[in-house]
Amino acid sequence: MPIFEYADVQLHYEETGEGFPVLLFAPGGMRSAAPFWMRSPWNPVDALSPHFRVIAMDQRNAGRSTAPVTGSDGWAAYTRDHLALLDGLGIERCHLLGGCIGGSYSFGVARAAPERVAAVVLQQPIGADGDNRRAFYDMFDGWADDLRESMPDVADDDWTRFRGNMYDADFVFSVSRDFVASCEIPMLVLMGDDLYHPSSTSREIARIAPNAELIERWKEPEVVDAAVQKVIDFLKRHRA
């Protein structure tokens, strides 16, 4: 698995296939890393590589990627990583496919550099529904606790501020409803249905985004193949 380095960040990634590029943001919450795709109802690395150049990455301080931690970290830090990796790979424009937290990463890139995003697939995007914020805080704290021993110089207040930057906002956390409602990038939303991925979030994205389509059933064995083909057709239709 190659490594891309910039500033004091090391990002592990892997590439398969060729053609129009698709950057994958894996599920796994703060532990988002390429191996998590193997636990998904379908693995986009395997499904998309025959048709596209697929780049799967480990997020900072997840998998084999590393970066410093400060109290000012948040969604923007991840977006800087993503754009830096695209620059390092010489990719001017690509598709984004994000599972779980990867949906919010995708929105971050779409806001920062919309001209570089051809289309977005959101696989059960995370979101705040009024009842689940504590679950996101706990998820963050579990990840942070695993890192504290190797980062003794990071103060407790920095971890708390970082957590707030990630999960104090509403909706999809990384961007506002107003942004999603103004985003013209074509989107395909594969609906979530649990604590971290409320169906209400998926439905609202599909309702307010100008060029979004919702797929309600995509996980069950009897519909997986059809859902995967819809994703492939969607990405092929919007490449270039």
C-alpha atoms as a PDB file:
ATOM      1  CA  MET A   1       0.000   0.000   0.000  1.00  0.00           C
ATOM      2  CA  PRO A   2       1.752   3.234  -1.117  1.00  0.00           C
ATOM      3  CA  ILE A   3       2.137   6.258   1.108  1.00  0.00           C
ATOM      4  CA  PHE A   4       1.615   9.902   0.198  1.00  0.00           C
ATOM      5  CA  GLU A   5       3.372  12.442   2.410  1.00  0.00           C
ATOM      6  CA  TYR A   6       2.796  16.158   2.693  1.00  0.00           C
ATOM      7  CA  ALA A   7       3.679  18.516   5.536  1.00  0.00           C
ATOM      8  CA  ASP A   8       3.608  16.219   8.592  1.00  0.00           C
ATOM      9  CA  VAL A   9       0.847  13.934   7.306  1.00  0.00           C
ATOM     10  CA  GLN A  10       1.271  10.407   5.954  1.00  0.00           C
ATOM     11  CA  LEU A  11      -1.654   8.961   3.993  1.00  0.00           C
ATOM     12  CA  HIS A  12      -1.743   5.317   2.993  1.00  0.00           C
ATOM     13  CA  TYR A  13      -3.725   4.503  -0.121  1.00  0.00           C
ATOM     14  CA  GLU A  14      -4.086   1.826  -2.780  1.00  0.00           C
ATOM     15  CA  GLU A  15      -4.986   2.035  -6.449  1.00  0.00           C
ATOM     16  CA  THR A  16      -6.686  -0.550  -8.631  1.00  0.00           C
ATOM     17  CA  GLY A  17      -8.120  -0.410 -12.126  1.00  0.00           C
ATOM     18  CA  GLU A  18      -7.776   2.334 -14.705  1.00  0.00           C
ATOM     19  CA  GLY A  19      -9.908   4.985 -16.344  1.00  0.00           C
ATOM     20  CA  PHE A  20     -11.813   7.876 -14.794  1.00  0.00           C
ATOM     21  CA  PRO A  21     -10.785   8.119 -11.108  1.00  0.00           C
ATOM     22  CA  VAL A  22     -13.016   7.332  -8.141  1.00  0.00           C
ATOM     23  CA  LEU A  23     -11.767   8.339  -4.677  1.00  0.00           C
ATOM     24  CA  LEU A  24     -13.222   6.144  -1.931  1.00  0.00           C
ATOM     25  CA  PHE A  25     -13.847   7.271   1.646  1.00  0.00           C
ATOM     26  CA  ALA A  26     -14.386   4.144   3.721  1.00  0.00           C
ATOM     27  CA  PRO A  27     -16.854   3.529   6.544  1.00  0.00           C
ATOM     28  CA  GLY A  28     -15.631   3.035  10.098  1.00  0.00           C
ATOM     29  CA  GLY A  29     -16.213   6.389  11.762  1.00  0.00           C
ATOM     30  CA  MET A  30     -12.982   7.977  12.971  1.00  0.00           C
ATOM     31  CA  ARG A  31     -11.241   4.682  12.131  1.00  0.00           C
ATOM     32  CA  SER A  32     -12.175   5.003   8.443  1.00  0.00           C
ATOM     33  CA  ALA A  33      -9.661   2.908   6.490  1.00  0.00           C
ATOM     34  CA  ALA A  34      -9.619   0.926   3.264  1.00  0.00           C
ATOM     35  CA  PRO A  35      -9.960  -2.545   4.900  1.00  0.00           C
ATOM     36  CA  PHE A  36     -13.406  -1.566   6.207  1.00  0.00           C
ATOM     37  CA  TRP A  37     -14.751  -1.938   2.671  1.00  0.00           C
ATOM     38  CA  MET A  38     -14.429  -5.700   3.085  1.00  0.00           C
ATOM     39  CA  ARG A  39     -17.171  -5.525   5.750  1.00  0.00           C
ATOM     40  CA  SER A  40     -19.537  -3.543   3.529  1.00  0.00           C
ATOM     41  CA  PRO A  41     -22.584  -5.182   1.900  1.00  0.00           C
ATOM     42  CA  TRP A  42     -20.585  -4.789  -1.317  1.00  0.00           C
ATOM     43  CA  ASN A  43     -16.989  -3.786  -1.831  1.00  0.00           C
ATOM     44  CA  PRO A  44     -16.604  -0.835  -4.239  1.00  0.00           C
ATOM     45  CA  VAL A  45     -12.936  -1.643  -4.762  1.00  0.00           C
ATOM     46  CA  ASP A  46     -13.896  -4.959  -6.343  1.00  0.00           C
ATOM     47  CA  ALA A  47     -17.045  -3.666  -8.034  1.00  0.00           C
ATOM     48  CA  LEU A  48     -15.617  -0.513  -9.597  1.00  0.00           C
ATOM     49  CA  SER A  49     -12.046  -1.487 -10.482  1.00  0.00           C
ATOM     50  CA  PRO A  50     -13.044  -3.173 -13.775  1.00  0.00           C
ATOM     51  CA  HIS A  51     -14.505   0.163 -14.915  1.00  0.00           C
ATOM     52  CA  PHE A  52     -12.571   2.964 -13.164  1.00  0.00           C
ATOM     53  CA  ARG A  53      -9.291   3.957 -11.541  1.00  0.00           C
ATOM     54  CA  VAL A  54     -10.178   3.349  -7.887  1.00  0.00           C
ATOM     55  CA  ILE A  55      -8.255   4.967  -5.032  1.00  0.00           C
ATOM     56  CA  ALA A  56      -8.976   3.684  -1.517  1.00  0.00           C
ATOM     57  CA  MET A  57      -7.342   5.462   1.420  1.00  0.00           C
ATOM     58  CA  ASP A  58      -6.881   5.330   5.178  1.00  0.00           C
ATOM     59  CA  GLN A  59      -7.913   8.592   6.848  1.00  0.00           C
ATOM     60  CA  ARG A  60      -5.452  10.409   9.099  1.00  0.00           C
ATOM     61  CA  ASN A  61      -4.790   8.495  12.324  1.00  0.00           C
ATOM     62  CA  ALA A  62      -6.738   5.507  11.030  1.00  0.00           C
ATOM     63  CA  GLY A  63      -5.396   2.341   9.503  1.00  0.00           C
ATOM     64  CA  ARG A  64      -1.802   3.097   8.534  1.00  0.00           C
ATOM     65  CA  SER A  65      -2.174   6.854   8.033  1.00  0.00           C
ATOM     66  CA  THR A  66      -0.808   9.303  10.591  1.00  0.00           C
ATOM     67  CA  ALA A  67      -0.996  13.018  11.385  1.00  0.00           C
ATOM     68  CA  PRO A  68      -0.607  15.302  14.389  1.00  0.00           C
ATOM     69  CA  VAL A  69      -3.698  16.137  16.465  1.00  0.00           C
ATOM     70  CA  THR A  70      -4.628  19.681  17.513  1.00  0.00           C
ATOM     71  CA  GLY A  71      -7.696  21.315  18.957  1.00  0.00           C
ATOM     72  CA  SER A  72      -8.301  23.097  15.655  1.00  0.00           C
ATOM     73  CA  ASP A  73      -8.672  19.834  13.716  1.00  0.00           C
ATOM     74  CA  GLY A  74     -11.999  19.046  12.114  1.00  0.00           C
ATOM     75  CA  TRP A  75     -13.604  18.363   8.765  1.00  0.00           C
ATOM     76  CA  ALA A  76     -11.412  20.948   7.013  1.00  0.00           C
ATOM     77  CA  ALA A  77      -8.259  19.040   7.990  1.00  0.00           C
ATOM     78  CA  TYR A  78      -9.599  15.916   6.306  1.00  0.00           C
ATOM     79  CA  THR A  79     -10.569  17.893   3.221  1.00  0.00           C
ATOM     80  CA  ARG A  80      -7.014  19.241   2.987  1.00  0.00           C
ATOM     81  CA  ASP A  81      -5.764  15.646   3.071  1.00  0.00           C
ATOM     82  CA  HIS A  82      -8.130  14.607   0.308  1.00  0.00           C
ATOM     83  CA  LEU A  83      -7.245  17.472  -2.002  1.00  0.00           C
ATOM     84  CA  ALA A  84      -3.533  17.023  -1.291  1.00  0.00           C
ATOM     85  CA  LEU A  85      -3.768  13.339  -2.204  1.00  0.00           C
ATOM     86  CA  LEU A  86      -5.599  14.156  -5.444  1.00  0.00           C
ATOM     87  CA  ASP A  87      -2.905  16.719  -6.267  1.00  0.00           C
ATOM     88  CA  GLY A  88      -0.175  14.219  -5.469  1.00  0.00           C
ATOM     89  CA  LEU A  89      -1.730  11.653  -7.779  1.00  0.00           C
ATOM     90  CA  GLY A  90      -2.192  14.202 -10.554  1.00  0.00           C
ATOM     91  CA  ILE A  91      -5.991  13.919 -10.478  1.00  0.00           C
ATOM     92  CA  GLU A  92      -7.804  17.081 -11.548  1.00  0.00           C
ATOM     93  CA  ARG A  93     -11.353  15.694 -11.446  1.00  0.00           C
ATOM     94  CA  CYS A  94     -12.884  12.548 -10.014  1.00  0.00           C
ATOM     95  CA  HIS A  95     -15.930  10.833  -8.596  1.00  0.00           C
ATOM     96  CA  LEU A  96     -16.311  10.444  -4.834  1.00  0.00           C
ATOM     97  CA  LEU A  97     -17.846   7.427  -3.125  1.00  0.00           C
ATOM     98  CA  GLY A  98     -18.207   7.647   0.641  1.00  0.00           C
ATOM     99  CA  GLY A  99     -19.569   5.096   3.073  1.00  0.00           C
ATOM    100  CA  CYS A 100     -20.787   6.129   6.527  1.00  0.00           C
ATOM    101  CA  ILE A 101     -18.532   9.037   7.600  1.00  0.00           C
ATOM    102  CA  GLY A 102     -17.288   9.067   4.017  1.00  0.00           C
ATOM    103  CA  GLY A 103     -20.477  10.834   3.014  1.00  0.00           C
ATOM    104  CA  SER A 104     -19.517  13.806   5.161  1.00  0.00           C
ATOM    105  CA  TYR A 105     -15.963  13.703   3.815  1.00  0.00           C
ATOM    106  CA  SER A 106     -17.455  13.801   0.311  1.00  0.00           C
ATOM    107  CA  PHE A 107     -19.503  16.881   1.133  1.00  0.00           C
ATOM    108  CA  GLY A 108     -16.365  18.558   2.479  1.00  0.00           C
ATOM    109  CA  VAL A 109     -14.546  18.103  -0.831  1.00  0.00           C
ATOM    110  CA  ALA A 110     -17.635  19.099  -2.801  1.00  0.00           C
ATOM    111  CA  ARG A 111     -17.818  22.384  -0.888  1.00  0.00           C
ATOM    112  CA  ALA A 112     -14.095  23.163  -1.044  1.00  0.00           C
ATOM    113  CA  ALA A 113     -13.499  22.228  -4.682  1.00  0.00           C
ATOM    114  CA  PRO A 114     -16.756  21.553  -6.561  1.00  0.00           C
ATOM    115  CA  GLU A 115     -15.010  21.860  -9.915  1.00  0.00           C
ATOM    116  CA  ARG A 116     -13.001  18.734  -9.082  1.00  0.00           C
ATOM    117  CA  VAL A 117     -16.005  16.498  -8.363  1.00  0.00           C
ATOM    118  CA  ALA A 118     -17.936  14.928 -11.227  1.00  0.00           C
ATOM    119  CA  ALA A 119     -20.423  12.929  -9.132  1.00  0.00           C
ATOM    120  CA  VAL A 120     -20.890  11.616  -5.607  1.00  0.00           C
ATOM    121  CA  VAL A 121     -22.207   8.321  -4.251  1.00  0.00           C
ATOM    122  CA  LEU A 122     -23.229   8.417  -0.588  1.00  0.00           C
ATOM    123  CA  GLN A 123     -23.505   4.982   1.003  1.00  0.00           C
ATOM    124  CA  GLN A 124     -25.606   5.248   4.187  1.00  0.00           C
ATOM    125  CA  PRO A 125     -24.365   8.747   5.141  1.00  0.00           C
ATOM    126  CA  ILE A 126     -24.057   9.684   8.798  1.00  0.00           C
ATOM    127  CA  GLY A 127     -26.205  12.436  10.265  1.00  0.00           C
ATOM    128  CA  ALA A 128     -27.621  13.963  13.437  1.00  0.00           C
ATOM    129  CA  ASP A 129     -31.267  13.077  14.038  1.00  0.00           C
ATOM    130  CA  GLY A 130     -31.756  14.700  17.443  1.00  0.00           C
ATOM    131  CA  ASP A 131     -31.186  11.501  19.403  1.00  0.00           C
ATOM    132  CA  ASN A 132     -27.803  10.139  18.337  1.00  0.00           C
ATOM    133  CA  ARG A 133     -25.211  12.841  19.091  1.00  0.00           C
ATOM    134  CA  ARG A 134     -24.015  11.034  22.226  1.00  0.00           C
ATOM    135  CA  ALA A 135     -23.283   7.985  20.054  1.00  0.00           C
ATOM    136  CA  PHE A 136     -20.980  10.059  17.853  1.00  0.00           C
ATOM    137  CA  TYR A 137     -19.222  11.550  20.873  1.00  0.00           C
ATOM    138  CA  ASP A 138     -18.687   8.057  22.301  1.00  0.00           C
ATOM    139  CA  MET A 139     -17.381   6.777  18.975  1.00  0.00           C
ATOM    140  CA  PHE A 140     -14.900   9.652  18.817  1.00  0.00           C
ATOM    141  CA  ASP A 141     -13.823   9.122  22.431  1.00  0.00           C
ATOM    142  CA  GLY A 142     -13.131   5.443  21.847  1.00  0.00           C
ATOM    143  CA  TRP A 143     -10.893   6.290  18.876  1.00  0.00           C
ATOM    144  CA  ALA A 144      -9.165   9.083  20.816  1.00  0.00           C
ATOM    145  CA  ASP A 145      -8.517   6.854  23.831  1.00  0.00           C
ATOM    146  CA  ASP A 146      -6.622   4.442  21.593  1.00  0.00           C
ATOM    147  CA  LEU A 147      -4.373   7.277  20.392  1.00  0.00           C
ATOM    148  CA  ARG A 148      -3.722   9.089  23.661  1.00  0.00           C
ATOM    149  CA  GLU A 149      -0.841   6.866  24.773  1.00  0.00           C
ATOM    150  CA  SER A 150       1.074   7.536  21.550  1.00  0.00           C
ATOM    151  CA  MET A 151       0.246  11.276  21.693  1.00  0.00           C
ATOM    152  CA  PRO A 152       0.918  12.285  25.311  1.00  0.00           C
ATOM    153  CA  ASP A 153       1.484  15.931  24.369  1.00  0.00           C
ATOM    154  CA  VAL A 154      -2.102  16.396  23.129  1.00  0.00           C
ATOM    155  CA  ALA A 155      -4.091  18.026  25.945  1.00  0.00           C
ATOM    156  CA  ASP A 156      -7.532  16.810  26.998  1.00  0.00           C
ATOM    157  CA  ASP A 157      -8.981  20.144  25.889  1.00  0.00           C
ATOM    158  CA  ASP A 158      -7.595  19.624  22.387  1.00  0.00           C
ATOM    159  CA  TRP A 159      -9.345  16.269  22.092  1.00  0.00           C
ATOM    160  CA  THR A 160     -12.593  17.848  23.314  1.00  0.00           C
ATOM    161  CA  ARG A 161     -12.359  20.745  20.859  1.00  0.00           C
ATOM    162  CA  PHE A 162     -11.543  18.347  18.014  1.00  0.00           C
ATOM    163  CA  ARG A 163     -14.587  16.243  18.893  1.00  0.00           C
ATOM    164  CA  GLY A 164     -16.784  19.319  18.929  1.00  0.00           C
ATOM    165  CA  ASN A 165     -15.460  20.457  15.557  1.00  0.00           C
ATOM    166  CA  MET A 166     -16.473  17.088  14.149  1.00  0.00           C
ATOM    167  CA  TYR A 167     -19.834  16.422  15.789  1.00  0.00           C
ATOM    168  CA  ASP A 168     -21.353  19.543  17.360  1.00  0.00           C
ATOM    169  CA  ALA A 169     -23.049  20.628  14.124  1.00  0.00           C
ATOM    170  CA  ASP A 170     -26.352  19.352  12.758  1.00  0.00           C
ATOM    171  CA  PHE A 171     -27.481  17.420   9.688  1.00  0.00           C
ATOM    172  CA  VAL A 172     -24.411  15.748   8.095  1.00  0.00           C
ATOM    173  CA  PHE A 173     -21.953  17.561  10.409  1.00  0.00           C
ATOM    174  CA  SER A 174     -19.449  18.705   7.771  1.00  0.00           C
ATOM    175  CA  VAL A 175     -21.717  21.052   5.796  1.00  0.00           C
ATOM    176  CA  SER A 176     -25.053  22.785   6.260  1.00  0.00           C
ATOM    177  CA  ARG A 177     -28.434  22.074   4.777  1.00  0.00           C
ATOM    178  CA  ASP A 178     -28.087  25.276   2.767  1.00  0.00           C
ATOM    179  CA  PHE A 179     -24.950  23.949   1.130  1.00  0.00           C
ATOM    180  CA  VAL A 180     -26.525  20.614   0.252  1.00  0.00           C
ATOM    181  CA  ALA A 181     -29.561  22.431  -1.162  1.00  0.00           C
ATOM    182  CA  SER A 182     -27.282  24.509  -3.369  1.00  0.00           C
ATOM    183  CA  CYS A 183     -24.930  21.726  -4.488  1.00  0.00           C
ATOM    184  CA  GLU A 184     -25.471  20.950  -8.174  1.00  0.00           C
ATOM    185  CA  ILE A 185     -23.155  17.935  -8.249  1.00  0.00           C
ATOM    186  CA  PRO A 186     -25.043  14.735  -9.202  1.00  0.00           C
ATOM    187  CA  MET A 187     -25.557  12.498  -6.171  1.00  0.00           C
ATOM    188  CA  LEU A 188     -26.705   8.928  -5.681  1.00  0.00           C
ATOM    189  CA  VAL A 189     -27.787   8.224  -2.086  1.00  0.00           C
ATOM    190  CA  LEU A 190     -27.894   4.648  -0.767  1.00  0.00           C
ATOM    191  CA  MET A 191     -30.174   4.949   2.225  1.00  0.00           C
ATOM    192  CA  GLY A 192     -29.053   4.299   5.788  1.00  0.00           C
ATOM    193  CA  ASP A 193     -31.302   2.810   8.435  1.00  0.00           C
ATOM    194  CA  ASP A 194     -29.631   2.747  11.856  1.00  0.00           C
ATOM    195  CA  LEU A 195     -28.317   4.849  14.750  1.00  0.00           C
ATOM    196  CA  TYR A 196     -25.330   6.374  12.974  1.00  0.00           C
ATOM    197  CA  HIS A 197     -26.922   6.438   9.513  1.00  0.00           C
ATOM    198  CA  PRO A 198     -30.542   7.551  10.007  1.00  0.00           C
ATOM    199  CA  SER A 199     -32.902   7.045   7.097  1.00  0.00           C
ATOM    200  CA  SER A 200     -34.122  10.594   7.723  1.00  0.00           C
ATOM    201  CA  THR A 201     -30.673  11.953   6.788  1.00  0.00           C
ATOM    202  CA  SER A 202     -30.554  10.023   3.519  1.00  0.00           C
ATOM    203  CA  ARG A 203     -34.086  11.049   2.624  1.00  0.00           C
ATOM    204  CA  GLU A 204     -33.435  14.712   3.356  1.00  0.00           C
ATOM    205  CA  ILE A 205     -30.250  14.780   1.282  1.00  0.00           C
ATOM    206  CA  ALA A 206     -32.122  13.240  -1.626  1.00  0.00           C
ATOM    207  CA  ARG A 207     -35.015  15.667  -1.174  1.00  0.00           C
ATOM    208  CA  ILE A 208     -33.095  18.939  -0.975  1.00  0.00           C
ATOM    209  CA  ALA A 209     -30.063  18.339  -3.229  1.00  0.00           C
ATOM    210  CA  PRO A 210     -30.939  19.527  -6.749  1.00  0.00           C
ATOM    211  CA  ASN A 211     -29.527  16.484  -8.591  1.00  0.00           C
ATOM    212  CA  ALA A 212     -29.879  13.623  -6.128  1.00  0.00           C
ATOM    213  CA  GLU A 213     -31.443  10.191  -6.456  1.00  0.00           C
ATOM    214  CA  LEU A 214     -32.297   7.852  -3.557  1.00  0.00           C
ATOM    215  CA  ILE A 215     -31.955   4.067  -3.530  1.00  0.00           C
ATOM    216  CA  GLU A 216     -33.833   2.728  -0.505  1.00  0.00           C
ATOM    217  CA  ARG A 217     -32.907  -0.967  -0.752  1.00  0.00           C
ATOM    218  CA  TRP A 218     -29.329  -1.889  -1.634  1.00  0.00           C
ATOM    219  CA  LYS A 219     -27.986  -4.155   1.139  1.00  0.00           C
ATOM    220  CA  GLU A 220     -30.139  -7.268   0.893  1.00  0.00           C
ATOM    221  CA  PRO A 221     -28.657 -10.162  -1.090  1.00  0.00           C
ATOM    222  CA  GLU A 222     -31.516 -10.159  -3.565  1.00  0.00           C
ATOM    223  CA  VAL A 223     -30.962  -6.498  -4.531  1.00  0.00           C
ATOM    224  CA  VAL A 224     -27.187  -6.020  -4.126  1.00  0.00           C
ATOM    225  CA  ASP A 225     -26.294  -6.846  -7.724  1.00  0.00           C
ATOM    226  CA  ALA A 226     -28.905  -4.458  -9.104  1.00  0.00           C
ATOM    227  CA  ALA A 227     -27.798  -1.692  -6.731  1.00  0.00           C
ATOM    228  CA  VAL A 228     -24.151  -2.121  -7.700  1.00  0.00           C
ATOM    229  CA  GLN A 229     -25.078  -1.909 -11.375  1.00  0.00           C
ATOM    230  CA  LYS A 230     -27.004   1.318 -10.690  1.00  0.00           C
ATOM    231  CA  VAL A 231     -23.909   2.787  -9.058  1.00  0.00           C
ATOM    232  CA  ILE A 232     -21.699   1.763 -11.985  1.00  0.00           C
ATOM    233  CA  ASP A 233     -24.170   3.153 -14.529  1.00  0.00           C
ATOM    234  CA  PHE A 234     -24.512   6.389 -12.540  1.00  0.00           C
ATOM    235  CA  LEU A 235     -20.750   6.927 -12.368  1.00  0.00           C
ATOM    236  CA  LYS A 236     -20.255   6.088 -16.038  1.00  0.00           C
ATOM    237  CA  ARG A 237     -23.011   8.508 -17.017  1.00  0.00           C
ATOM    238  CA  HIS A 238     -21.404  11.390 -15.152  1.00  0.00           C
ATOM    239  CA  ARG A 239     -17.704  10.849 -15.795  1.00  0.00           C
ATOM    240  CA  ALA A 240     -15.799  13.481 -17.777  1.00  0.00           C
END
